[in-house]
Protein backbone atom coordinates (compact mmCIF):
# COMPACT_ATOMS: atom_id res chain seq x y z
CA MET A 1 6.57 -17.86 -20.47
CA ASN A 2 7.12 -21.07 -18.48
CA ARG A 3 9.93 -19.45 -15.89
CA VAL A 4 9.62 -21.37 -12.65
CA ALA A 5 10.73 -18.53 -10.28
CA MET A 6 11.36 -15.01 -10.59
CA GLN A 7 14.58 -13.62 -9.66
CA ILE A 8 13.19 -10.45 -7.04
CA ARG A 9 14.69 -9.06 -4.20
CA LEU A 10 13.42 -6.85 -1.50
CA SER A 11 16.18 -4.06 -1.42
CA HIS A 12 15.03 -1.25 0.55
CA ILE A 13 12.03 -0.03 3.29
CA GLU A 14 11.91 3.69 4.11
CA GLU A 15 9.28 5.43 6.20
CA ILE A 16 7.98 8.32 4.00
CA LYS A 17 5.19 9.77 6.28
CA PHE A 18 3.39 9.38 9.60
CA VAL A 19 0.70 11.91 10.84
CA ASP A 20 -1.03 11.06 14.01
CA ASN A 21 -3.99 13.76 14.10
CA THR A 22 -5.75 12.12 17.04
CA GLN A 23 -4.55 15.22 19.31
CA ASN A 24 -5.94 17.86 16.94
CA TYR A 25 -9.30 16.12 16.62
CA LYS A 26 -11.48 14.83 19.56
CA CYS A 27 -12.62 11.51 18.75
CA ASP A 28 -13.42 8.27 20.33
CA LEU A 29 -12.04 5.35 18.30
CA LYS A 30 -14.44 3.01 20.24
CA LYS A 31 -17.47 4.90 19.33
CA ASP A 32 -16.74 6.65 15.96
CA ASN A 33 -16.85 4.52 12.56
CA VAL A 34 -12.93 4.16 11.60
CA HIS A 35 -12.77 3.86 8.04
CA VAL A 36 -9.29 2.34 6.56
CA GLY A 37 -8.13 3.13 3.06
CA PHE A 38 -5.06 2.02 0.97
CA SER A 39 -3.12 4.02 -1.76
CA VAL A 40 -0.56 2.71 -3.96
CA GLN A 41 1.94 4.18 -6.73
CA LEU A 42 4.30 2.08 -8.63
CA SER A 43 7.45 3.80 -10.12
CA PRO A 44 9.45 1.17 -12.03
CA ASP A 45 13.05 1.76 -13.28
CA ILE A 46 13.40 -0.59 -16.50
CA GLU A 47 17.00 0.31 -16.74
CA GLN A 48 17.96 -0.27 -13.12
CA ASN A 49 15.78 -3.35 -12.99
CA CYS A 50 13.81 -2.07 -9.81
CA THR A 51 10.68 -0.58 -8.76
CA ASP A 52 9.53 1.42 -5.87
CA ILE A 53 6.08 0.80 -4.45
CA LEU A 54 4.78 3.92 -2.51
CA LEU A 55 2.15 2.35 -0.23
CA GLY A 56 -0.07 4.48 2.27
CA VAL A 57 -2.87 3.73 4.54
CA HIS A 58 -5.10 6.55 5.99
CA TYR A 59 -7.51 5.92 9.06
CA ASP A 60 -10.61 8.26 8.78
CA ILE A 61 -13.58 9.38 10.75
CA LYS A 62 -16.81 10.80 9.70
CA LYS A 63 -18.36 13.39 11.94
CA GLU A 64 -20.86 15.96 11.16
CA ASP A 65 -20.70 15.09 7.44
CA ARG A 66 -17.06 15.58 7.31
CA LYS A 67 -14.58 13.18 6.87
CA THR A 68 -11.46 13.79 8.96
CA SER A 69 -8.04 11.92 8.56
CA ILE A 70 -6.83 10.99 12.01
CA LEU A 71 -3.69 8.74 10.86
CA GLU A 72 -1.78 8.67 7.82
CA TYR A 73 1.25 6.63 7.14
CA LYS A 74 3.29 5.87 4.01
CA ILE A 75 6.21 3.49 3.15
CA ASN A 76 8.25 3.09 -0.13
CA VAL A 77 9.19 -0.51 -0.68
CA THR A 78 12.04 -0.94 -3.15
CA PHE A 79 12.22 -4.30 -5.11
CA GLU A 80 15.17 -5.51 -7.56
CA ILE A 81 13.85 -7.61 -10.07
CA GLU A 82 16.02 -9.63 -12.65
CA ASP A 83 15.10 -9.05 -16.30
CA MET A 84 12.24 -6.76 -15.27
CA ILE A 85 11.27 -5.97 -18.57
CA GLU A 86 9.53 -9.31 -18.88
CA TYR A 87 6.99 -8.57 -16.10
CA ILE A 88 6.50 -4.90 -16.30
CA LEU A 89 5.66 -2.96 -19.58
CA ILE A 90 5.28 1.04 -19.76
CA GLU A 91 3.37 2.64 -22.60
CA LYS A 92 2.51 6.17 -22.64
CA ASN A 93 2.70 6.61 -19.03
CA ARG A 94 0.77 3.34 -18.48
CA ILE A 95 2.20 0.60 -16.39
CA SER A 96 0.97 -2.84 -16.77
CA VAL A 97 2.38 -5.36 -14.42
CA LYS A 98 1.91 -9.06 -14.55
CA PRO A 99 -0.08 -10.50 -11.86
CA GLU A 100 2.37 -13.05 -10.34
CA LEU A 101 4.89 -10.15 -9.88
CA LEU A 102 2.14 -7.46 -8.69
CA THR A 103 0.93 -10.15 -6.15
CA ILE A 104 4.40 -10.88 -4.69
CA MET A 105 5.24 -7.12 -4.41
CA LEU A 106 1.97 -5.98 -2.93
CA SER A 107 1.98 -8.98 -0.33
CA VAL A 108 5.76 -8.04 0.84
CA SER A 109 4.73 -4.25 0.84
CA ILE A 110 1.34 -4.52 2.83
CA GLY A 111 3.36 -6.93 5.23
CA SER A 112 5.97 -4.42 5.75
CA LEU A 113 3.55 -1.62 6.34
CA ARG A 114 1.58 -3.60 8.72
CA GLY A 115 4.52 -4.25 10.88
CA MET A 116 5.88 -0.88 10.95
CA LEU A 117 2.56 0.51 11.63
CA VAL A 118 2.01 -1.80 14.48
CA MET A 119 5.56 -0.50 16.02
CA ARG A 120 4.83 3.30 15.05
CA THR A 121 1.37 3.01 16.90
CA LYS A 122 2.31 1.14 20.12
CA ASN A 123 0.90 2.31 23.28
CA SER A 124 -1.24 4.85 21.16
CA ASP A 125 -4.89 5.23 20.56
CA PHE A 126 -4.46 2.87 17.41
CA GLU A 127 -2.75 -0.05 19.18
CA ASN A 128 -6.03 -1.98 18.93
CA TYR A 129 -6.55 -0.96 15.21
CA PRO A 130 -4.23 -3.02 13.22
CA LEU A 131 -3.96 -2.81 9.38
CA PRO A 132 -6.91 -5.38 8.25
CA LEU A 133 -5.73 -8.36 6.79
CA VAL A 134 -6.07 -8.23 2.77
CA ASN A 135 -6.17 -11.29 0.45
CA VAL A 136 -3.71 -9.83 -2.26
CA THR A 137 -4.19 -12.76 -4.66
CA GLU A 138 -8.11 -11.97 -4.53
CA LEU A 139 -7.26 -8.33 -4.97
CA VAL A 140 -5.06 -8.67 -7.89
CA SER A 141 -7.62 -11.14 -9.69
CA LYS A 142 -10.25 -8.45 -9.57
CA ILE A 143 -8.07 -6.33 -11.30
CA ARG A 144 -8.89 -6.72 -14.82
CA HIS A 145 -5.69 -5.18 -16.15
CA PRO A 146 -3.32 -4.87 -13.42
CA SER A 147 -2.08 -1.30 -13.92
CA TRP A 148 -1.70 2.16 -12.73
CA TYR A 149 -0.70 5.14 -14.52
CA GLU A 150 2.68 6.41 -13.74
CA ASN A 151 2.84 9.19 -10.86
CA THR A 152 -0.63 8.87 -9.93
CA ILE A 153 -2.01 7.55 -6.50
CA HIS A 154 -4.90 5.29 -6.59
CA PRO A 155 -6.92 3.70 -3.78
CA PHE A 156 -7.28 0.22 -4.04
CA PHE A 157 -9.09 -1.07 -0.89
CA LYS A 158 -11.37 0.42 1.98
CA PHE A 159 -12.05 -1.33 5.18
CA ARG A 160 -14.39 -0.02 8.14
CA TYR A 161 -13.98 -0.86 12.15
CA GLN A 162 -17.00 -1.03 13.65
């Protein structure tokens, strides 16, 4: 395939979940190790030429050998993709996505998540803990077969503030 440009459009972004548990758990974000993890779920609709990416981030601390989630945020990002069948293959609940498309969608989705999270955590304990930068091209290249199982959420990146 020697296509010069994909026809892709961001059509909708929706906040799905925001949970700030810092009121319920005593923690000192400056002293406690804050771990940041991501999750992603891809839900393509081949007939409609669109796909949703459910992208989440969670900030955890580990105290007394227990991991506690102190912040969770999820968004759903919808893309319209012309001739999507050329880029996404679904076989027996397995989804395979061409790296070029996956890189674009993850870059836009992570950037959207970062901006929305900054707005949500303004003037809060998390204001100084922005979403870490992610080299999506490198991330996608490390995935041998960029695919996910339908309706399964997979963590794909972890980071620790120190």
